[in-house]
Amino acid sequence: MNNPDEPLIDNNDMSEASLSKADPAVRQRIQNLVDKQPYAVLCVQGDNQPYGALVAFAFSDDLRHAVFVTPVATRKYRLLRLCDHVALVIDNRSNKADDLMDIEAVTVTGRSQMIERGREFDRCSGLLVTRHPYLKSFVNAASCALFRVDVVRFLHVGRFQEVSQWVPTARS
């Protein structure tokens, strides 16, 4: 999903970090990170300000979509409705606090979309509840909204400054 207003990074864009072409090992490192970490920082924007919020998330098997839930009476929900450009930041720093070189992070960029109740809602909420069973009543509450992020790209950072980009495709 190449998005014209979110161009893919090329080697000239990364002056202080090495940007490698994605290989299968990069996808596997991303998969391991999103499988092991239950929470992400959701980054949104609005009112000319960035905003970050912690969310429990789940990804589709092909890593092309992520889902999360939020109450509708929140700043997060309001900002998501104003601007669909989002990022999720997932890292393992709490597992590797003693060695900076072992910390990995991934920034997932994409477009968010609120999912209305129905077949797609059931599929997406099933992903989230399977991963986070304690959220079942929260996900199904009328006061909450389920969002899907259609992933544009992953930027994986390891060893403090080694950056790799991976773009999920229909064949990934």
Protein backbone atom coordinates (compact mmCIF):
# COMPACT_ATOMS: atom_id res chain seq x y z
CA MET A 1 0.00 0.00 0.00
CA ASN A 2 2.16 2.85 -1.24
CA ASN A 3 0.61 6.10 -0.14
CA PRO A 4 1.54 9.28 -2.09
CA ASP A 5 1.39 11.49 0.98
CA GLU A 6 3.65 9.14 2.92
CA PRO A 7 6.57 8.47 0.59
CA LEU A 8 8.78 5.48 1.16
CA ILE A 9 12.18 6.25 2.57
CA ASP A 10 15.21 6.00 0.38
CA ASN A 11 18.85 5.85 1.42
CA ASN A 12 19.31 9.62 1.04
CA ASP A 13 16.64 10.34 3.68
CA MET A 14 18.58 8.66 6.49
CA SER A 15 21.74 10.69 6.98
CA GLU A 16 22.71 9.46 10.46
CA ALA A 17 21.41 5.90 10.37
CA SER A 18 21.88 3.00 8.06
CA LEU A 19 18.77 2.10 6.14
CA SER A 20 18.88 -1.41 4.81
CA LYS A 21 16.68 -3.00 2.22
CA ALA A 22 14.17 -5.18 4.01
CA ASP A 23 14.99 -8.84 4.02
CA PRO A 24 13.12 -11.75 5.57
CA ALA A 25 15.05 -11.32 8.82
CA VAL A 26 13.67 -7.78 9.22
CA ARG A 27 10.10 -9.01 8.82
CA GLN A 28 10.78 -11.73 11.40
CA ARG A 29 12.25 -9.22 13.89
CA ILE A 30 9.15 -7.04 13.42
CA GLN A 31 6.88 -10.07 13.86
CA ASN A 32 8.69 -11.06 17.06
CA LEU A 33 8.41 -7.56 18.48
CA VAL A 34 4.68 -7.13 17.76
CA ASP A 35 3.98 -10.66 19.06
CA LYS A 36 5.83 -10.17 22.36
CA GLN A 37 4.81 -6.61 23.23
CA PRO A 38 1.16 -6.14 24.24
CA TYR A 39 1.04 -2.33 24.14
CA ALA A 40 2.03 0.46 21.78
CA VAL A 41 2.10 4.22 21.88
CA LEU A 42 -0.48 5.49 19.41
CA CYS A 43 0.67 8.77 17.87
CA VAL A 44 -2.00 11.08 16.49
CA GLN A 45 -2.19 14.76 15.70
CA GLY A 46 -4.72 17.52 16.00
CA ASP A 47 -5.08 21.14 16.99
CA ASN A 48 -1.55 21.62 15.59
CA GLN A 49 -0.15 19.36 18.30
CA PRO A 50 1.09 15.77 18.44
CA TYR A 51 -0.51 13.46 20.98
CA GLY A 52 0.50 10.02 22.24
CA ALA A 53 -1.60 7.44 24.04
CA LEU A 54 -1.00 3.90 25.22
CA VAL A 55 -3.15 1.24 23.51
CA ALA A 56 -3.46 -2.52 23.64
CA PHE A 57 -3.19 -3.77 20.06
CA ALA A 58 -3.32 -6.82 17.83
CA PHE A 59 -2.09 -7.35 14.27
CA SER A 60 -3.48 -9.43 11.45
CA ASP A 61 -1.36 -12.45 10.53
CA ASP A 62 -0.02 -10.70 7.43
CA LEU A 63 0.90 -7.56 9.44
CA ARG A 64 -1.11 -5.38 7.05
CA HIS A 65 -3.56 -4.25 9.74
CA ALA A 66 -3.49 -3.44 13.44
CA VAL A 67 -6.54 -2.94 15.67
CA PHE A 68 -7.17 -1.19 18.97
CA VAL A 69 -10.14 0.14 20.94
CA THR A 70 -10.76 3.45 22.68
CA PRO A 71 -13.62 5.08 24.56
CA VAL A 72 -15.46 7.64 22.43
CA ALA A 73 -15.36 10.25 25.21
CA THR A 74 -11.60 10.79 24.88
CA ARG A 75 -9.19 13.17 23.19
CA LYS A 76 -7.70 10.16 21.40
CA TYR A 77 -11.05 9.35 19.75
CA ARG A 78 -11.67 12.99 18.80
CA LEU A 79 -8.23 13.32 17.22
CA LEU A 80 -8.59 10.02 15.36
CA ARG A 81 -11.83 11.30 13.85
CA LEU A 82 -10.11 14.55 12.75
CA CYS A 83 -7.02 13.01 11.15
CA ASP A 84 -6.51 9.44 10.03
CA HIS A 85 -2.69 9.60 9.80
CA VAL A 86 -1.31 7.62 12.73
CA ALA A 87 1.76 5.83 13.98
CA LEU A 88 2.16 3.05 16.49
CA VAL A 89 5.47 2.80 18.35
CA ILE A 90 6.28 -0.60 19.82
CA ASP A 91 9.50 -1.35 21.71
CA ASN A 92 11.08 -3.84 24.08
CA ARG A 93 12.98 -1.42 26.32
CA SER A 94 11.37 -2.73 29.52
CA ASN A 95 12.80 -6.17 28.70
CA LYS A 96 16.31 -4.87 27.89
CA ALA A 97 16.84 -1.93 30.27
CA ASP A 98 20.46 -2.86 31.01
CA ASP A 99 21.76 -2.79 27.43
CA LEU A 100 20.81 -0.04 25.00
CA MET A 101 22.25 -2.00 22.08
CA ASP A 102 19.71 -4.82 22.65
CA ILE A 103 16.66 -2.55 22.53
CA GLU A 104 14.50 -2.78 19.42
CA ALA A 105 11.65 -0.55 18.33
CA VAL A 106 9.32 -0.39 15.40
CA THR A 107 7.30 2.56 14.18
CA VAL A 108 4.25 1.50 12.23
CA THR A 109 2.77 4.22 10.04
CA GLY A 110 -0.60 4.07 8.42
CA ARG A 111 -4.18 5.23 8.18
CA SER A 112 -6.78 4.62 10.86
CA GLN A 113 -10.41 3.86 10.27
CA MET A 114 -13.21 3.38 12.77
CA ILE A 115 -14.89 0.02 12.22
CA GLU A 116 -18.68 -0.02 12.45
CA ARG A 117 -20.43 -2.98 14.07
CA GLY A 118 -20.93 -5.85 11.66
CA ARG A 119 -18.82 -8.53 9.96
CA GLU A 120 -15.58 -6.49 9.81
CA PHE A 121 -16.05 -5.37 13.43
CA ASP A 122 -16.48 -9.00 14.51
CA ARG A 123 -13.32 -10.04 12.64
CA CYS A 124 -11.21 -7.15 13.97
CA SER A 125 -12.54 -7.31 17.53
CA GLY A 126 -11.86 -11.05 17.48
CA LEU A 127 -8.17 -10.36 16.81
CA LEU A 128 -8.01 -7.95 19.73
CA VAL A 129 -9.98 -10.07 22.19
CA THR A 130 -8.00 -13.19 21.31
CA ARG A 131 -4.81 -11.35 22.23
CA HIS A 132 -6.30 -9.39 25.14
CA PRO A 133 -9.23 -11.43 26.57
CA TYR A 134 -9.64 -8.99 29.48
CA LEU A 135 -10.79 -6.34 26.96
CA LYS A 136 -13.88 -8.26 25.76
CA SER A 137 -16.49 -6.16 27.56
CA PHE A 138 -14.57 -2.96 26.76
CA VAL A 139 -14.44 -3.81 23.05
CA ASN A 140 -18.15 -4.57 22.97
CA ALA A 141 -19.26 -1.54 25.03
CA ALA A 142 -21.42 1.00 23.20
CA SER A 143 -19.21 3.72 24.69
CA CYS A 144 -16.13 2.44 22.82
CA ALA A 145 -14.95 2.48 19.22
CA LEU A 146 -12.80 -0.05 17.41
CA PHE A 147 -10.16 1.25 15.01
CA ARG A 148 -8.19 -0.54 12.32
CA VAL A 149 -4.86 0.81 11.10
CA ASP A 150 -4.08 0.01 7.48
CA VAL A 151 -0.30 -0.23 7.57
CA VAL A 152 1.81 1.72 5.09
CA ARG A 153 5.22 0.72 6.45
CA PHE A 154 7.29 -0.46 9.38
CA LEU A 155 10.51 1.24 10.42
CA HIS A 156 12.51 -1.11 12.59
CA VAL A 157 15.39 0.19 14.72
CA GLY A 158 17.90 -2.13 16.34
CA ARG A 159 21.30 -1.70 17.93
CA PHE A 160 20.36 1.92 18.69
CA GLN A 161 20.71 3.23 15.12
CA GLU A 162 20.31 0.49 12.52
CA VAL A 163 17.10 1.32 10.65
CA SER A 164 15.30 -1.04 8.29
CA GLN A 165 12.11 -0.40 6.39
CA TRP A 166 9.58 -3.11 5.59
CA VAL A 167 6.41 -2.57 3.60
CA PRO A 168 3.76 -5.30 3.87
CA THR A 169 2.22 -6.39 0.60
CA ALA A 170 -0.55 -8.78 -0.33
CA ARG A 171 2.12 -11.49 -0.78
CA SER A 172 4.02 -10.80 2.48
